[in-house]
Protein backbone atom coordinates (compact mmCIF):
# COMPACT_ATOMS: atom_id res chain seq x y z
CA MET A 1 16.62 -11.01 4.15
CA ARG A 2 16.62 -7.22 4.48
CA LEU A 3 13.56 -5.02 4.61
CA GLN A 4 13.61 -1.29 3.88
CA VAL A 5 11.80 0.65 6.64
CA ALA A 6 12.65 4.27 5.75
CA ARG A 7 14.38 6.66 3.38
CA ILE A 8 16.23 9.61 4.89
CA GLY A 9 15.21 13.08 3.75
CA LYS A 10 16.57 16.51 4.59
CA PRO A 11 18.17 17.60 7.86
CA HIS A 12 15.96 19.26 10.47
CA GLY A 13 17.50 21.83 12.80
CA ILE A 14 21.17 22.08 13.79
CA ARG A 15 21.51 19.06 16.11
CA GLY A 16 21.67 16.36 13.43
CA GLU A 17 18.02 15.32 13.19
CA VAL A 18 16.69 14.17 9.82
CA THR A 19 13.25 13.76 8.30
CA VAL A 20 12.39 10.28 7.07
CA GLN A 21 9.91 8.80 4.63
CA VAL A 22 8.42 5.94 6.64
CA MET A 23 8.05 2.64 4.77
CA THR A 24 6.71 0.43 7.52
CA ASP A 25 3.24 -0.04 8.88
CA ASN A 26 4.50 -0.02 12.46
CA PRO A 27 6.72 3.06 12.97
CA GLU A 28 6.08 3.27 16.73
CA GLU A 29 7.80 -0.11 17.23
CA ARG A 30 10.48 0.21 14.53
CA PHE A 31 11.79 3.67 15.45
CA THR A 32 12.65 3.55 19.15
CA ALA A 33 15.79 4.61 21.02
CA GLY A 34 18.55 2.02 20.69
CA GLU A 35 17.27 0.44 17.45
CA GLU A 36 20.06 -0.15 14.94
CA PHE A 37 19.59 0.07 11.17
CA ILE A 38 21.65 -1.04 8.20
CA VAL A 39 22.37 1.99 5.96
CA VAL A 40 22.27 1.60 2.18
CA ASP A 41 23.66 4.35 -0.09
CA GLY A 42 24.96 6.35 2.87
CA PRO A 43 28.31 7.39 4.35
CA VAL A 44 28.11 4.86 7.23
CA LYS A 45 27.22 1.15 7.49
CA THR A 46 24.86 1.37 10.49
CA LEU A 47 22.97 3.97 12.51
CA THR A 48 21.51 3.73 16.02
CA ILE A 49 18.49 5.80 17.01
CA LYS A 50 19.09 8.27 19.81
CA ASN A 51 15.66 9.87 19.61
CA ALA A 52 12.51 9.64 17.46
CA ARG A 53 9.69 12.16 17.46
CA TRP A 54 6.82 13.29 15.29
CA ASN A 55 6.54 16.86 14.02
CA LYS A 56 2.93 16.90 12.80
CA THR A 57 2.96 14.09 10.20
CA ILE A 58 6.75 13.96 9.69
CA LEU A 59 8.96 11.55 11.62
CA LEU A 60 12.23 13.08 12.84
CA LEU A 61 15.13 10.84 13.84
CA ALA A 62 18.33 11.64 15.72
CA PHE A 63 21.17 9.12 15.60
CA LYS A 64 23.96 8.48 18.11
CA GLU A 65 26.51 8.65 15.29
CA ILE A 66 25.35 12.02 13.88
CA ALA A 67 26.20 15.17 15.87
CA ASP A 68 25.22 18.12 13.66
CA ARG A 69 23.40 19.34 10.57
CA ASN A 70 26.45 18.93 8.30
CA GLN A 71 26.73 15.23 9.15
CA ALA A 72 22.95 14.84 8.78
CA GLU A 73 23.12 16.31 5.26
CA THR A 74 25.46 13.46 4.18
CA LEU A 75 22.66 10.97 4.97
CA ARG A 76 20.15 12.48 2.53
CA GLY A 77 18.71 9.80 0.26
CA ALA A 78 20.14 6.87 2.25
CA ARG A 79 17.86 3.92 2.96
CA LEU A 80 17.38 2.37 6.39
CA GLU A 81 16.96 -1.40 6.42
CA ILE A 82 16.52 -4.12 9.02
CA GLU A 83 17.31 -7.81 8.92
CA VAL A 84 14.20 -10.04 8.96
CA SER A 85 13.66 -13.79 8.72
CA ASP A 86 12.91 -15.29 5.31
CA GLU A 87 9.91 -17.19 6.66
CA PRO A 88 6.58 -15.96 5.35
CA GLU A 89 4.41 -14.54 8.11
CA ASP A 90 1.05 -15.65 6.70
CA ASP A 91 -1.06 -15.71 3.56
CA SER A 92 -2.19 -12.11 3.91
CA ASP A 93 -2.56 -9.61 1.09
CA GLU A 94 0.37 -7.53 2.33
CA TRP A 95 3.38 -7.01 0.08
CA TYR A 96 6.81 -5.55 0.62
CA GLU A 97 8.33 -3.32 -2.05
CA HIS A 98 11.23 -5.72 -2.71
CA GLU A 99 8.71 -8.52 -3.50
CA LEU A 100 7.09 -6.40 -6.24
CA LEU A 101 10.08 -4.69 -7.88
CA ASP A 102 10.77 -5.69 -11.51
CA LEU A 103 7.54 -7.71 -11.88
CA LYS A 104 5.93 -7.36 -15.31
CA VAL A 105 2.69 -5.37 -15.34
CA MET A 106 0.08 -7.17 -17.45
CA LEU A 107 -3.17 -5.76 -18.89
CA ASP A 108 -5.43 -8.02 -20.98
CA GLY A 109 -2.57 -10.48 -21.53
CA GLU A 110 -0.13 -7.81 -22.79
CA GLN A 111 2.84 -6.40 -20.87
CA VAL A 112 2.32 -2.66 -20.31
CA GLY A 113 5.21 -1.98 -17.93
CA VAL A 114 7.53 -3.01 -15.10
CA ILE A 115 7.08 -2.22 -11.41
CA THR A 116 9.65 0.29 -10.16
CA ALA A 117 8.35 1.18 -6.68
CA LEU A 118 5.65 0.94 -4.05
CA ARG A 119 4.72 4.27 -2.48
CA THR A 120 3.20 3.84 0.97
CA ASN A 121 0.86 6.66 1.90
CA PRO A 122 -1.40 7.14 4.92
CA ALA A 123 -4.60 7.00 2.86
CA GLN A 124 -3.67 4.48 0.17
CA ASP A 125 -0.58 2.79 -1.25
CA LEU A 126 0.39 3.41 -4.88
CA LEU A 127 1.96 0.89 -7.23
CA VAL A 128 4.48 2.68 -9.46
CA PHE A 129 5.42 1.23 -12.83
CA GLU A 130 7.23 2.37 -15.93
CA ASP A 131 5.55 1.89 -19.30
CA ALA A 132 7.26 1.09 -22.61
CA ASP A 133 7.90 4.80 -23.25
CA GLY A 134 9.66 5.21 -19.91
CA GLU A 135 6.74 7.13 -18.39
CA GLU A 136 6.06 6.61 -14.69
CA ILE A 137 2.47 5.58 -13.91
CA TYR A 138 0.86 5.54 -10.45
CA LEU A 139 -1.92 3.05 -9.78
CA PRO A 140 -3.84 2.81 -6.49
CA PHE A 141 -2.74 -0.50 -4.94
CA VAL A 142 -6.21 -1.90 -4.26
CA ASP A 143 -7.80 -5.25 -5.18
CA GLU A 144 -10.10 -3.57 -7.72
CA PHE A 145 -7.16 -2.32 -9.83
CA VAL A 146 -4.57 -5.01 -8.93
CA PRO A 147 -6.54 -8.27 -8.77
CA GLU A 148 -3.60 -10.68 -9.19
CA ILE A 149 0.01 -10.77 -8.06
CA ASP A 150 2.07 -13.83 -9.02
CA PRO A 151 5.74 -13.45 -7.99
CA GLU A 152 6.60 -16.98 -9.21
CA ALA A 153 5.41 -16.08 -12.72
CA GLY A 154 6.94 -12.60 -12.37
CA ILE A 155 3.70 -10.76 -13.15
CA VAL A 156 1.14 -8.38 -11.72
CA VAL A 157 -2.24 -8.24 -13.46
CA ILE A 158 -3.92 -4.83 -13.45
CA THR A 159 -7.41 -3.57 -14.32
CA PRO A 160 -6.92 0.21 -14.21
CA PRO A 161 -9.74 2.73 -14.48
CA ALA A 162 -10.48 3.93 -18.00
CA GLY A 163 -7.94 6.46 -19.26
CA LEU A 164 -5.33 5.97 -16.52
CA LEU A 165 -2.63 4.65 -18.85
CA THR A 166 -3.14 7.51 -21.34
CA LEU A 167 -3.88 10.29 -18.85
CA ASN A 168 -0.70 12.30 -19.52
CA SER A 169 0.18 11.00 -22.96
CA ASP A 170 1.57 13.26 -25.71
CA GLU A 171 -1.45 12.56 -27.95
CA GLU A 172 -3.69 14.52 -25.60
CA GLY A 173 -1.20 17.42 -25.40
CA SER A 174 -0.76 17.67 -29.18
CA GLU A 175 -4.55 17.75 -29.77
CA GLU A 176 -4.89 20.67 -27.36
CA GLU A 177 -2.05 22.56 -29.06
CA GLY A 178 -3.65 22.09 -32.49
CA THR A 179 -6.88 23.79 -31.40
CA LYS A 180 -5.23 27.06 -30.39
């Protein structure tokens, strides 16, 4: 089984370094010199880390296979994955993005969307789902708002705060326009 650990962003400098969006809870161990990654949606099949360093809160990676900024630009948007065993580690409340993708989002017994992503952030992870109108909704991925996840049944039960699902709806916008 493969696990996505990063998404490559824009080039940094002229020596082939790139910024990455980290998608692992252990970047210090994952991103070390000599580590090899499987590349998805990129111009090469694998990349080997030459150097990893932090620039404030942004991780910069240099790869043995990438010599300059032009080559680094071709990597933009590519995903870095590693091969992991299929065995479950434990019964913890931790979830990988690939385990949640395409699960139905249920609210009071009704489907209100489908999970499209998991955004990992330093402060709090966000569950991203698309509603029936194709709108993207972000929900803090905490027990209070996501009390049940059942991959076998293909569902995630949510209890969002009042107004979250209608926060940016057209109904609110049209009411404001009518009062002008």
